[in-house]
N, C-alpha and C. Protein backbone atom coordinates (compact mmCIF):
# COMPACT_ATOMS: atom_id res chain seq x y z
N UNK A 1 53.71 13.60 24.38
CA UNK A 1 53.36 12.69 25.46
C UNK A 1 51.96 13.00 26.00
N UNK A 2 51.70 14.31 26.21
CA UNK A 2 50.39 14.71 26.73
C UNK A 2 49.28 14.34 25.76
N UNK A 3 49.56 14.49 24.45
CA UNK A 3 48.54 14.16 23.46
C UNK A 3 48.24 12.67 23.46
N UNK A 4 49.28 11.83 23.71
CA UNK A 4 49.07 10.39 23.78
C UNK A 4 48.19 10.02 24.96
N UNK A 5 48.44 10.68 26.09
CA UNK A 5 47.64 10.42 27.29
C UNK A 5 46.20 10.83 27.06
N UNK A 6 46.02 11.99 26.41
CA UNK A 6 44.66 12.47 26.13
C UNK A 6 43.94 11.52 25.18
N UNK A 7 44.67 11.03 24.16
CA UNK A 7 44.07 10.11 23.21
C UNK A 7 43.63 8.82 23.89
N UNK A 8 44.46 8.31 24.79
CA UNK A 8 44.11 7.09 25.52
C UNK A 8 42.90 7.33 26.42
N UNK A 9 42.85 8.50 27.02
CA UNK A 9 41.73 8.84 27.90
C UNK A 9 40.43 8.94 27.09
N UNK A 10 40.53 9.56 25.89
CA UNK A 10 39.35 9.68 25.04
C UNK A 10 38.84 8.31 24.61
N UNK A 11 39.78 7.41 24.27
CA UNK A 11 39.40 6.07 23.85
C UNK A 11 38.75 5.31 25.00
N UNK A 12 39.31 5.48 26.19
CA UNK A 12 38.75 4.81 27.37
C UNK A 12 37.33 5.32 27.64
N UNK A 13 37.14 6.62 27.43
CA UNK A 13 35.81 7.21 27.61
C UNK A 13 34.82 6.64 26.61
N UNK A 14 35.24 6.50 25.34
CA UNK A 14 34.37 5.94 24.31
C UNK A 14 34.03 4.49 24.62
N UNK A 15 35.04 3.72 25.06
CA UNK A 15 34.81 2.31 25.41
C UNK A 15 33.79 2.19 26.54
N UNK A 16 33.89 3.09 27.50
CA UNK A 16 32.97 3.07 28.65
C UNK A 16 31.55 3.38 28.19
N UNK A 17 31.43 4.26 27.21
CA UNK A 17 30.10 4.67 26.75
C UNK A 17 29.45 3.67 25.80
N UNK A 18 30.24 2.78 25.22
CA UNK A 18 29.71 1.82 24.24
C UNK A 18 28.54 1.01 24.79
N UNK A 19 28.58 0.72 26.08
CA UNK A 19 27.54 -0.12 26.68
C UNK A 19 26.29 0.68 27.05
N UNK A 20 26.35 1.98 26.91
CA UNK A 20 25.21 2.82 27.27
C UNK A 20 24.09 2.70 26.24
N UNK A 21 22.86 2.81 26.71
CA UNK A 21 21.72 2.83 25.80
C UNK A 21 21.67 4.18 25.09
N UNK A 22 20.88 4.25 24.02
CA UNK A 22 20.72 5.53 23.33
C UNK A 22 20.16 6.59 24.27
N UNK A 23 19.23 6.17 25.14
CA UNK A 23 18.64 7.12 26.09
C UNK A 23 19.71 7.67 27.04
N UNK A 24 20.60 6.78 27.49
CA UNK A 24 21.68 7.21 28.36
C UNK A 24 22.63 8.16 27.66
N UNK A 25 22.93 7.85 26.39
CA UNK A 25 23.82 8.73 25.62
C UNK A 25 23.18 10.10 25.39
N UNK A 26 21.86 10.11 25.18
CA UNK A 26 21.18 11.39 24.98
C UNK A 26 21.27 12.25 26.23
N UNK A 27 21.06 11.64 27.38
CA UNK A 27 21.14 12.40 28.63
C UNK A 27 22.53 12.98 28.84
N UNK A 28 23.55 12.18 28.54
CA UNK A 28 24.93 12.67 28.67
C UNK A 28 25.22 13.76 27.63
N UNK A 29 24.64 13.61 26.44
CA UNK A 29 24.83 14.63 25.40
C UNK A 29 24.24 15.96 25.84
N UNK A 30 23.08 15.89 26.49
CA UNK A 30 22.44 17.12 26.98
C UNK A 30 23.27 17.77 28.07
N UNK A 31 24.09 16.94 28.75
CA UNK A 31 24.99 17.47 29.77
C UNK A 31 26.32 17.91 29.15
N UNK A 32 26.34 17.96 27.80
CA UNK A 32 27.49 18.45 27.03
C UNK A 32 28.70 17.51 27.10
N UNK A 33 28.43 16.20 27.19
CA UNK A 33 29.54 15.24 27.10
C UNK A 33 29.71 14.90 25.62
N UNK A 34 30.76 15.41 25.03
CA UNK A 34 30.96 15.31 23.58
C UNK A 34 31.08 13.87 23.11
N UNK A 35 31.80 13.03 23.85
CA UNK A 35 31.99 11.64 23.44
C UNK A 35 30.66 10.92 23.32
N UNK A 36 29.74 11.20 24.24
CA UNK A 36 28.42 10.57 24.21
C UNK A 36 27.65 11.01 22.97
N UNK A 37 27.73 12.29 22.66
CA UNK A 37 27.03 12.81 21.48
C UNK A 37 27.59 12.19 20.20
N UNK A 38 28.91 12.07 20.10
CA UNK A 38 29.53 11.49 18.91
C UNK A 38 29.11 10.04 18.73
N UNK A 39 29.01 9.31 19.83
CA UNK A 39 28.60 7.91 19.75
C UNK A 39 27.14 7.79 19.34
N UNK A 40 26.28 8.63 19.91
CA UNK A 40 24.87 8.63 19.53
C UNK A 40 24.70 9.01 18.06
N UNK A 41 25.46 10.00 17.64
CA UNK A 41 25.44 10.43 16.24
C UNK A 41 25.83 9.28 15.32
N UNK A 42 26.88 8.55 15.70
CA UNK A 42 27.33 7.42 14.90
C UNK A 42 26.28 6.32 14.80
N UNK A 43 25.52 6.12 15.86
CA UNK A 43 24.50 5.07 15.86
C UNK A 43 23.29 5.42 14.99
N UNK A 44 22.91 6.67 14.97
CA UNK A 44 21.64 7.05 14.36
C UNK A 44 21.74 7.71 12.99
N UNK A 45 22.90 8.29 12.67
CA UNK A 45 22.97 9.15 11.48
C UNK A 45 22.70 8.39 10.18
N UNK A 46 23.18 7.14 10.08
CA UNK A 46 23.03 6.39 8.83
C UNK A 46 21.56 6.19 8.46
N UNK A 47 20.78 5.74 9.42
CA UNK A 47 19.36 5.50 9.15
C UNK A 47 18.61 6.77 8.84
N UNK A 48 18.91 7.83 9.57
CA UNK A 48 18.24 9.11 9.34
C UNK A 48 18.61 9.66 7.96
N UNK A 49 19.89 9.57 7.60
CA UNK A 49 20.31 10.07 6.29
C UNK A 49 19.64 9.29 5.15
N UNK A 50 19.63 7.94 5.25
CA UNK A 50 19.02 7.14 4.18
C UNK A 50 17.53 7.46 4.03
N UNK A 51 16.86 7.57 5.17
CA UNK A 51 15.43 7.91 5.15
C UNK A 51 15.21 9.26 4.46
N UNK A 52 15.95 10.27 4.88
CA UNK A 52 15.80 11.61 4.30
C UNK A 52 16.19 11.62 2.82
N UNK A 53 17.18 10.81 2.47
CA UNK A 53 17.66 10.74 1.08
C UNK A 53 16.57 10.23 0.15
N UNK A 54 15.92 9.13 0.56
CA UNK A 54 14.87 8.56 -0.28
C UNK A 54 13.58 9.37 -0.24
N UNK A 55 13.34 10.08 0.85
CA UNK A 55 12.13 10.89 0.94
C UNK A 55 12.25 12.19 0.15
N UNK A 56 13.45 12.79 0.16
CA UNK A 56 13.64 14.08 -0.53
C UNK A 56 14.27 13.93 -1.91
N UNK A 57 14.87 12.75 -2.18
CA UNK A 57 15.56 12.50 -3.45
C UNK A 57 16.71 13.47 -3.67
N UNK A 58 17.33 13.90 -2.59
CA UNK A 58 18.43 14.87 -2.70
C UNK A 58 19.45 14.63 -1.60
N UNK A 59 20.70 14.42 -2.01
CA UNK A 59 21.76 14.24 -1.01
C UNK A 59 21.93 15.51 -0.17
N UNK A 60 21.85 16.66 -0.82
CA UNK A 60 22.00 17.92 -0.09
C UNK A 60 20.91 18.08 0.96
N UNK A 61 19.66 17.80 0.58
CA UNK A 61 18.56 17.92 1.53
C UNK A 61 18.69 16.88 2.64
N UNK A 62 19.15 15.68 2.29
CA UNK A 62 19.31 14.64 3.30
C UNK A 62 20.37 15.03 4.33
N UNK A 63 21.46 15.63 3.85
CA UNK A 63 22.50 16.10 4.77
C UNK A 63 21.96 17.21 5.66
N UNK A 64 21.13 18.08 5.08
CA UNK A 64 20.54 19.17 5.86
C UNK A 64 19.62 18.62 6.95
N UNK A 65 18.77 17.65 6.57
CA UNK A 65 17.85 17.05 7.54
C UNK A 65 18.63 16.38 8.66
N UNK A 66 19.66 15.60 8.30
CA UNK A 66 20.45 14.89 9.30
C UNK A 66 21.09 15.87 10.28
N UNK A 67 21.66 16.93 9.76
CA UNK A 67 22.28 17.95 10.62
C UNK A 67 21.24 18.59 11.54
N UNK A 68 20.09 18.95 10.99
CA UNK A 68 19.06 19.61 11.77
C UNK A 68 18.50 18.69 12.86
N UNK A 69 18.41 17.40 12.57
CA UNK A 69 17.90 16.45 13.57
C UNK A 69 18.79 16.45 14.81
N UNK A 70 20.10 16.41 14.61
CA UNK A 70 20.99 16.34 15.77
C UNK A 70 21.10 17.68 16.49
N UNK A 71 20.97 18.77 15.77
CA UNK A 71 20.90 20.07 16.44
C UNK A 71 19.64 20.13 17.30
N UNK A 72 18.53 19.64 16.75
CA UNK A 72 17.27 19.63 17.49
C UNK A 72 17.33 18.71 18.69
N UNK A 73 18.03 17.58 18.56
CA UNK A 73 18.17 16.66 19.70
C UNK A 73 18.83 17.37 20.88
N UNK A 74 19.85 18.17 20.59
CA UNK A 74 20.53 18.90 21.67
C UNK A 74 19.65 20.00 22.25
N UNK A 75 18.78 20.57 21.41
CA UNK A 75 17.91 21.64 21.89
C UNK A 75 16.66 21.11 22.58
N UNK A 76 16.08 20.04 22.02
CA UNK A 76 14.78 19.56 22.48
C UNK A 76 14.84 18.20 23.17
N UNK A 77 16.03 17.65 23.29
CA UNK A 77 16.16 16.31 23.87
C UNK A 77 15.63 16.19 25.27
N UNK A 78 15.54 17.31 25.98
CA UNK A 78 15.02 17.28 27.34
C UNK A 78 13.56 16.88 27.40
N UNK A 79 12.85 17.00 26.27
CA UNK A 79 11.44 16.62 26.24
C UNK A 79 11.24 15.13 25.96
N UNK A 80 12.34 14.42 25.67
CA UNK A 80 12.24 12.98 25.39
C UNK A 80 11.83 12.21 26.64
N UNK A 81 10.90 11.27 26.47
CA UNK A 81 10.45 10.40 27.56
C UNK A 81 10.60 8.95 27.12
N UNK A 82 11.46 8.22 27.83
CA UNK A 82 11.78 6.85 27.44
C UNK A 82 10.56 5.95 27.41
N UNK A 83 9.58 6.20 28.29
CA UNK A 83 8.40 5.34 28.33
C UNK A 83 7.52 5.50 27.09
N UNK A 84 7.74 6.54 26.31
CA UNK A 84 6.94 6.77 25.10
C UNK A 84 7.59 6.19 23.84
N UNK A 85 8.79 5.66 23.96
CA UNK A 85 9.47 5.10 22.80
C UNK A 85 10.97 5.30 22.90
N UNK A 86 11.70 4.71 21.95
CA UNK A 86 13.16 4.83 22.02
C UNK A 86 13.65 6.11 21.35
N UNK A 87 14.93 6.38 21.54
CA UNK A 87 15.52 7.62 21.02
C UNK A 87 15.49 7.65 19.49
N UNK A 88 15.68 6.48 18.86
CA UNK A 88 15.65 6.43 17.40
C UNK A 88 14.29 6.90 16.88
N UNK A 89 13.21 6.45 17.52
CA UNK A 89 11.88 6.89 17.11
C UNK A 89 11.68 8.38 17.33
N UNK A 90 12.20 8.88 18.44
CA UNK A 90 12.12 10.32 18.74
C UNK A 90 12.86 11.12 17.67
N UNK A 91 14.06 10.66 17.31
CA UNK A 91 14.86 11.35 16.30
C UNK A 91 14.19 11.29 14.93
N UNK A 92 13.61 10.13 14.60
CA UNK A 92 12.94 10.02 13.30
C UNK A 92 11.69 10.88 13.24
N UNK A 93 11.04 11.09 14.38
CA UNK A 93 9.91 12.02 14.41
C UNK A 93 10.35 13.42 14.02
N UNK A 94 11.50 13.82 14.53
CA UNK A 94 12.06 15.13 14.15
C UNK A 94 12.40 15.15 12.66
N UNK A 95 13.00 14.05 12.17
CA UNK A 95 13.37 13.97 10.76
C UNK A 95 12.13 14.07 9.87
N UNK A 96 11.05 13.38 10.25
CA UNK A 96 9.82 13.43 9.45
C UNK A 96 9.29 14.86 9.34
N UNK A 97 9.37 15.60 10.43
CA UNK A 97 8.90 16.99 10.40
C UNK A 97 9.73 17.84 9.45
N UNK A 98 11.04 17.64 9.47
CA UNK A 98 11.90 18.41 8.56
C UNK A 98 11.65 18.02 7.10
N UNK A 99 11.44 16.71 6.86
CA UNK A 99 11.15 16.26 5.49
C UNK A 99 9.85 16.88 4.99
N UNK A 100 8.84 16.93 5.84
CA UNK A 100 7.56 17.53 5.44
C UNK A 100 7.74 19.01 5.08
N UNK A 101 8.57 19.70 5.85
CA UNK A 101 8.82 21.11 5.53
C UNK A 101 9.46 21.26 4.16
N UNK A 102 10.41 20.38 3.87
CA UNK A 102 11.09 20.43 2.58
C UNK A 102 10.10 20.13 1.46
N UNK A 103 9.23 19.14 1.68
CA UNK A 103 8.26 18.78 0.65
C UNK A 103 7.28 19.92 0.39
N UNK A 104 6.91 20.64 1.43
CA UNK A 104 6.03 21.80 1.24
C UNK A 104 6.75 22.93 0.51
N UNK A 105 8.05 23.04 0.79
CA UNK A 105 8.84 24.12 0.22
C UNK A 105 9.18 23.86 -1.25
N UNK A 106 9.42 22.60 -1.58
CA UNK A 106 9.88 22.24 -2.91
C UNK A 106 8.96 21.19 -3.49
N UNK A 107 7.97 21.63 -4.20
CA UNK A 107 6.99 20.72 -4.79
C UNK A 107 7.49 20.10 -6.09
N UNK A 108 8.59 20.62 -6.62
CA UNK A 108 9.08 20.14 -7.92
C UNK A 108 9.44 18.66 -7.84
N UNK A 109 9.16 17.95 -8.93
CA UNK A 109 9.47 16.52 -9.02
C UNK A 109 10.98 16.30 -9.00
N UNK A 110 11.39 15.30 -8.24
CA UNK A 110 12.80 14.92 -8.20
C UNK A 110 12.89 13.42 -8.45
N UNK A 111 13.81 12.96 -9.32
CA UNK A 111 13.97 11.52 -9.53
C UNK A 111 14.55 10.86 -8.30
N UNK A 112 14.15 9.60 -8.06
CA UNK A 112 14.70 8.87 -6.93
C UNK A 112 16.19 8.65 -7.15
N UNK A 113 16.98 8.67 -6.07
CA UNK A 113 18.40 8.35 -6.21
C UNK A 113 18.57 6.90 -6.63
N UNK A 114 19.61 6.64 -7.40
CA UNK A 114 19.88 5.26 -7.83
C UNK A 114 20.25 4.42 -6.62
N UNK A 115 20.00 3.12 -6.74
CA UNK A 115 20.40 2.24 -5.65
C UNK A 115 19.86 0.84 -5.88
N UNK A 116 20.59 -0.15 -5.35
CA UNK A 116 20.18 -1.55 -5.51
C UNK A 116 18.82 -1.80 -4.89
N UNK A 117 18.51 -1.14 -3.77
CA UNK A 117 17.24 -1.39 -3.08
C UNK A 117 16.06 -1.02 -3.97
N UNK A 118 16.16 0.10 -4.67
CA UNK A 118 15.07 0.52 -5.56
C UNK A 118 14.95 -0.42 -6.75
N UNK A 119 16.08 -0.88 -7.28
CA UNK A 119 16.05 -1.81 -8.40
C UNK A 119 15.46 -3.15 -7.97
N UNK A 120 15.81 -3.60 -6.76
CA UNK A 120 15.26 -4.86 -6.26
C UNK A 120 13.75 -4.76 -6.09
N UNK A 121 13.29 -3.62 -5.57
CA UNK A 121 11.85 -3.42 -5.40
C UNK A 121 11.17 -3.40 -6.77
N UNK A 122 11.79 -2.76 -7.73
CA UNK A 122 11.23 -2.72 -9.09
C UNK A 122 11.09 -4.12 -9.65
N UNK A 123 12.12 -4.94 -9.46
CA UNK A 123 12.09 -6.31 -9.96
C UNK A 123 10.98 -7.13 -9.31
N UNK A 124 10.74 -6.88 -8.01
CA UNK A 124 9.72 -7.66 -7.31
C UNK A 124 8.31 -7.23 -7.71
N UNK A 125 8.14 -5.96 -8.06
CA UNK A 125 6.82 -5.46 -8.45
C UNK A 125 6.51 -5.74 -9.92
N UNK A 126 7.55 -5.73 -10.75
CA UNK A 126 7.40 -6.08 -12.16
C UNK A 126 8.03 -7.45 -12.31
N UNK A 127 7.20 -8.49 -12.33
CA UNK A 127 7.68 -9.85 -12.10
C UNK A 127 8.76 -10.33 -13.04
N UNK A 128 8.73 -9.91 -14.31
CA UNK A 128 9.74 -10.35 -15.26
C UNK A 128 10.27 -9.15 -16.04
N UNK A 129 11.13 -8.34 -15.39
CA UNK A 129 11.61 -7.14 -16.09
C UNK A 129 12.32 -7.44 -17.39
N UNK A 130 12.90 -8.64 -17.51
CA UNK A 130 13.61 -8.98 -18.75
C UNK A 130 12.65 -9.20 -19.91
N UNK A 131 11.34 -9.38 -19.60
CA UNK A 131 10.36 -9.63 -20.65
C UNK A 131 9.78 -8.35 -21.22
N UNK A 132 10.14 -7.21 -20.65
CA UNK A 132 9.62 -5.94 -21.14
C UNK A 132 10.22 -5.61 -22.50
N UNK A 133 9.53 -4.78 -23.28
CA UNK A 133 10.06 -4.42 -24.60
C UNK A 133 11.48 -3.88 -24.52
N UNK A 134 12.26 -4.18 -25.54
CA UNK A 134 13.64 -3.75 -25.54
C UNK A 134 13.80 -2.25 -25.43
N UNK A 135 12.80 -1.51 -25.90
CA UNK A 135 12.89 -0.05 -25.83
C UNK A 135 12.77 0.46 -24.40
N UNK A 136 12.16 -0.35 -23.54
CA UNK A 136 11.96 0.10 -22.16
C UNK A 136 13.15 -0.37 -21.32
N UNK A 137 14.15 0.42 -21.21
CA UNK A 137 15.34 0.04 -20.47
C UNK A 137 15.05 0.03 -18.98
N UNK A 138 15.93 -0.60 -18.23
CA UNK A 138 15.72 -0.79 -16.79
C UNK A 138 15.48 0.53 -16.07
N UNK A 139 16.20 1.57 -16.45
CA UNK A 139 16.05 2.85 -15.76
C UNK A 139 14.63 3.39 -15.89
N UNK A 140 13.98 3.10 -17.01
CA UNK A 140 12.61 3.56 -17.20
C UNK A 140 11.66 2.83 -16.27
N UNK A 141 11.90 1.53 -16.08
CA UNK A 141 11.08 0.74 -15.16
C UNK A 141 11.24 1.29 -13.75
N UNK A 142 12.49 1.53 -13.34
CA UNK A 142 12.76 2.08 -12.01
C UNK A 142 12.08 3.43 -11.85
N UNK A 143 12.12 4.24 -12.91
CA UNK A 143 11.50 5.57 -12.86
C UNK A 143 9.99 5.46 -12.67
N UNK A 144 9.38 4.48 -13.32
CA UNK A 144 7.93 4.31 -13.17
C UNK A 144 7.59 3.83 -11.75
N UNK A 145 8.44 2.98 -11.20
CA UNK A 145 8.23 2.55 -9.82
C UNK A 145 8.36 3.74 -8.88
N UNK A 146 9.36 4.58 -9.13
CA UNK A 146 9.53 5.79 -8.31
C UNK A 146 8.28 6.66 -8.35
N UNK A 147 7.75 6.88 -9.55
CA UNK A 147 6.56 7.71 -9.69
C UNK A 147 5.39 7.11 -8.90
N UNK A 148 5.28 5.78 -8.96
CA UNK A 148 4.21 5.10 -8.23
C UNK A 148 4.38 5.27 -6.72
N UNK A 149 5.61 5.13 -6.23
CA UNK A 149 5.87 5.30 -4.80
C UNK A 149 5.55 6.72 -4.37
N UNK A 150 5.97 7.69 -5.17
CA UNK A 150 5.75 9.10 -4.82
C UNK A 150 4.27 9.45 -4.75
N UNK A 151 3.44 8.69 -5.47
CA UNK A 151 2.01 8.98 -5.49
C UNK A 151 1.24 8.32 -4.35
N UNK A 152 1.91 7.48 -3.57
CA UNK A 152 1.25 6.80 -2.45
C UNK A 152 0.88 7.79 -1.35
N UNK A 153 -0.20 7.52 -0.61
CA UNK A 153 -0.47 8.30 0.60
C UNK A 153 0.75 8.25 1.53
N UNK A 154 0.99 9.30 2.27
CA UNK A 154 2.22 9.43 3.04
C UNK A 154 2.48 8.27 3.98
N UNK A 155 1.44 7.76 4.68
CA UNK A 155 1.68 6.69 5.64
C UNK A 155 2.09 5.38 4.97
N UNK A 156 1.72 5.20 3.70
CA UNK A 156 2.18 4.03 2.96
C UNK A 156 3.58 4.28 2.39
N UNK A 157 3.80 5.48 1.90
CA UNK A 157 5.13 5.80 1.34
C UNK A 157 6.22 5.67 2.40
N UNK A 158 5.89 6.09 3.64
CA UNK A 158 6.87 6.01 4.73
C UNK A 158 7.36 4.57 4.93
N UNK A 159 6.43 3.60 4.95
CA UNK A 159 6.84 2.22 5.23
C UNK A 159 7.59 1.62 4.05
N UNK A 160 7.25 2.01 2.83
CA UNK A 160 7.99 1.53 1.66
C UNK A 160 9.43 2.04 1.72
N UNK A 161 9.59 3.32 2.03
CA UNK A 161 10.94 3.89 2.13
C UNK A 161 11.74 3.20 3.23
N UNK A 162 11.13 3.03 4.41
CA UNK A 162 11.86 2.45 5.53
C UNK A 162 12.16 0.97 5.33
N UNK A 163 11.15 0.18 4.92
CA UNK A 163 11.33 -1.27 4.84
C UNK A 163 11.97 -1.73 3.54
N UNK A 164 11.52 -1.18 2.42
CA UNK A 164 12.02 -1.64 1.12
C UNK A 164 13.30 -0.94 0.68
N UNK A 165 13.39 0.36 0.92
CA UNK A 165 14.54 1.11 0.42
C UNK A 165 15.64 1.26 1.46
N UNK A 166 15.27 1.61 2.70
CA UNK A 166 16.28 1.70 3.77
C UNK A 166 16.59 0.33 4.36
N UNK A 167 15.76 -0.66 4.06
CA UNK A 167 15.96 -2.05 4.49
C UNK A 167 15.94 -2.21 6.00
N UNK A 168 15.06 -1.48 6.67
CA UNK A 168 14.84 -1.68 8.10
C UNK A 168 13.94 -2.89 8.30
N UNK A 169 14.10 -3.55 9.44
CA UNK A 169 13.19 -4.64 9.80
C UNK A 169 11.84 -4.04 10.18
N UNK A 170 10.82 -4.90 10.30
CA UNK A 170 9.50 -4.42 10.74
C UNK A 170 9.61 -3.75 12.10
N UNK A 171 10.38 -4.38 12.99
CA UNK A 171 10.52 -3.83 14.35
C UNK A 171 11.21 -2.47 14.33
N UNK A 172 12.24 -2.34 13.50
CA UNK A 172 12.96 -1.06 13.41
C UNK A 172 12.06 0.02 12.82
N UNK A 173 11.30 -0.35 11.78
CA UNK A 173 10.38 0.63 11.18
C UNK A 173 9.30 1.04 12.17
N UNK A 174 8.80 0.07 12.95
CA UNK A 174 7.77 0.37 13.95
C UNK A 174 8.32 1.34 14.99
N UNK A 175 9.58 1.14 15.38
CA UNK A 175 10.22 2.04 16.34
C UNK A 175 10.33 3.45 15.76
N UNK A 176 10.74 3.54 14.50
CA UNK A 176 10.93 4.86 13.88
C UNK A 176 9.61 5.60 13.67
N UNK A 177 8.56 4.85 13.35
CA UNK A 177 7.26 5.48 13.10
C UNK A 177 6.38 5.47 14.34
N UNK A 178 6.90 4.88 15.42
CA UNK A 178 6.21 4.85 16.71
C UNK A 178 4.80 4.27 16.58
N UNK A 179 4.77 3.06 16.00
CA UNK A 179 3.51 2.34 15.89
C UNK A 179 3.79 0.85 16.07
N UNK A 180 2.76 0.02 16.04
CA UNK A 180 2.92 -1.42 16.26
C UNK A 180 3.52 -2.10 15.03
N UNK A 181 4.21 -3.23 15.28
CA UNK A 181 4.78 -4.01 14.18
C UNK A 181 3.68 -4.46 13.23
N UNK A 182 2.54 -4.86 13.80
CA UNK A 182 1.41 -5.28 12.96
C UNK A 182 0.93 -4.18 12.03
N UNK A 183 1.00 -2.95 12.50
CA UNK A 183 0.61 -1.81 11.66
C UNK A 183 1.57 -1.66 10.48
N UNK A 184 2.86 -1.85 10.76
CA UNK A 184 3.86 -1.78 9.68
C UNK A 184 3.59 -2.86 8.65
N UNK A 185 3.35 -4.08 9.11
CA UNK A 185 3.08 -5.19 8.18
C UNK A 185 1.88 -4.89 7.29
N UNK A 186 0.78 -4.46 7.92
CA UNK A 186 -0.45 -4.24 7.14
C UNK A 186 -0.28 -3.06 6.18
N UNK A 187 0.40 -2.00 6.63
CA UNK A 187 0.62 -0.86 5.74
C UNK A 187 1.51 -1.23 4.57
N UNK A 188 2.55 -2.03 4.84
CA UNK A 188 3.46 -2.42 3.76
C UNK A 188 2.74 -3.32 2.76
N UNK A 189 1.93 -4.26 3.26
CA UNK A 189 1.17 -5.12 2.35
C UNK A 189 0.23 -4.30 1.49
N UNK A 190 -0.45 -3.34 2.11
CA UNK A 190 -1.37 -2.49 1.36
C UNK A 190 -0.61 -1.62 0.36
N UNK A 191 0.55 -1.12 0.77
CA UNK A 191 1.36 -0.29 -0.14
C UNK A 191 1.79 -1.10 -1.36
N UNK A 192 2.22 -2.35 -1.13
CA UNK A 192 2.63 -3.21 -2.25
C UNK A 192 1.46 -3.49 -3.18
N UNK A 193 0.27 -3.67 -2.60
CA UNK A 193 -0.93 -3.90 -3.42
C UNK A 193 -1.21 -2.68 -4.29
N UNK A 194 -1.14 -1.50 -3.69
CA UNK A 194 -1.37 -0.26 -4.44
C UNK A 194 -0.33 -0.07 -5.54
N UNK A 195 0.93 -0.38 -5.22
CA UNK A 195 1.99 -0.24 -6.22
C UNK A 195 1.77 -1.21 -7.38
N UNK A 196 1.37 -2.44 -7.05
CA UNK A 196 1.11 -3.44 -8.10
C UNK A 196 -0.01 -2.97 -9.02
N UNK A 197 -1.04 -2.34 -8.43
CA UNK A 197 -2.15 -1.82 -9.24
C UNK A 197 -1.68 -0.68 -10.14
N UNK A 198 -0.85 0.20 -9.59
CA UNK A 198 -0.35 1.33 -10.37
C UNK A 198 0.57 0.88 -11.50
N UNK A 199 1.24 -0.27 -11.28
CA UNK A 199 2.18 -0.77 -12.28
C UNK A 199 1.57 -1.85 -13.15
N UNK A 200 0.26 -2.04 -13.04
CA UNK A 200 -0.42 -3.09 -13.80
C UNK A 200 -0.19 -2.97 -15.30
N UNK A 201 -0.17 -1.75 -15.87
CA UNK A 201 0.11 -1.65 -17.32
C UNK A 201 1.43 -2.30 -17.72
N UNK A 202 2.45 -2.19 -16.88
CA UNK A 202 3.73 -2.83 -17.19
C UNK A 202 3.59 -4.34 -17.17
N UNK A 203 2.87 -4.85 -16.16
CA UNK A 203 2.69 -6.30 -16.04
C UNK A 203 1.84 -6.82 -17.20
N UNK A 204 0.87 -6.02 -17.63
CA UNK A 204 0.03 -6.42 -18.77
C UNK A 204 0.87 -6.52 -20.03
N UNK A 205 1.81 -5.60 -20.17
CA UNK A 205 2.67 -5.63 -21.36
C UNK A 205 3.54 -6.87 -21.36
N UNK A 206 3.93 -7.32 -20.14
CA UNK A 206 4.69 -8.57 -20.06
C UNK A 206 3.87 -9.72 -20.60
N UNK A 207 2.59 -9.79 -20.17
CA UNK A 207 1.71 -10.88 -20.59
C UNK A 207 1.50 -10.84 -22.10
N UNK A 208 1.30 -9.64 -22.64
CA UNK A 208 1.09 -9.50 -24.08
C UNK A 208 2.30 -9.98 -24.86
N UNK A 209 3.48 -9.63 -24.34
CA UNK A 209 4.71 -10.04 -25.03
C UNK A 209 4.87 -11.54 -24.96
N UNK A 210 4.57 -12.12 -23.77
CA UNK A 210 4.69 -13.56 -23.62
C UNK A 210 3.75 -14.30 -24.55
N UNK A 211 2.53 -13.78 -24.73
CA UNK A 211 1.54 -14.43 -25.57
C UNK A 211 1.90 -14.30 -27.05
N UNK A 212 2.49 -13.18 -27.40
CA UNK A 212 2.80 -12.92 -28.81
C UNK A 212 4.11 -13.55 -29.25
N UNK A 213 4.91 -13.99 -28.29
CA UNK A 213 6.21 -14.56 -28.63
C UNK A 213 7.13 -13.51 -29.20
N UNK A 214 7.93 -13.88 -30.17
CA UNK A 214 8.91 -12.95 -30.73
C UNK A 214 8.24 -11.82 -31.50
N UNK A 215 6.96 -12.02 -31.89
CA UNK A 215 6.29 -10.96 -32.63
C UNK A 215 6.10 -9.72 -31.76
N UNK A 216 6.11 -9.93 -30.45
CA UNK A 216 5.91 -8.79 -29.56
C UNK A 216 7.17 -7.99 -29.33
N UNK A 217 8.31 -8.49 -29.77
CA UNK A 217 9.57 -7.80 -29.54
C UNK A 217 9.71 -6.62 -30.49
N UNK A 218 10.09 -5.51 -29.91
CA UNK A 218 10.20 -4.30 -30.72
C UNK A 218 11.65 -3.87 -30.88
N UNK A 219 12.57 -4.81 -30.65
CA UNK A 219 13.98 -4.46 -30.79
C UNK A 219 14.44 -4.76 -32.20
């Protein structure tokens, strides 16, 4: 009976907190209100994990980053100022710092994790993937796109990961990177231009195959 009453009380507490802003939940979390922390964790963890996953190319590292972000929120959350941005942006700033540490620690190349978002981006950058030589299977195209993304300057790579792979809106990406929406748009456009240039050999091969007809097929 007591456990039922406690369960109902916990649910009532969660329902009451649902209407709270992230900033409000953070303040309650710092006051050691567990329900508030669990709700804030539920709101933010997915985006942070996906971002860390695509940036580090490792589920283990992504889980580590996500865990460290929320530990840091409890330790450093008192320095958060709502007038400087939202809690999601504050948390992503912490995540970016942890990702940079991992990148400095582990310089070894890692393949991008599989996913529909990366395949969709590959298809958009390589206009007719079905026209590529039969020997070049889809995974190879995706791998070349990954290599191109990894070679981008960091501020361009960040927006590609957030907008194209994590599928955040411009506004959400701007919040996470704490910059203007217009900056996100221009960086993403420039990143796509750079990627198209890096992948030009693939697009050229498409044109060559199209011009040669079946003679260009190597299957």
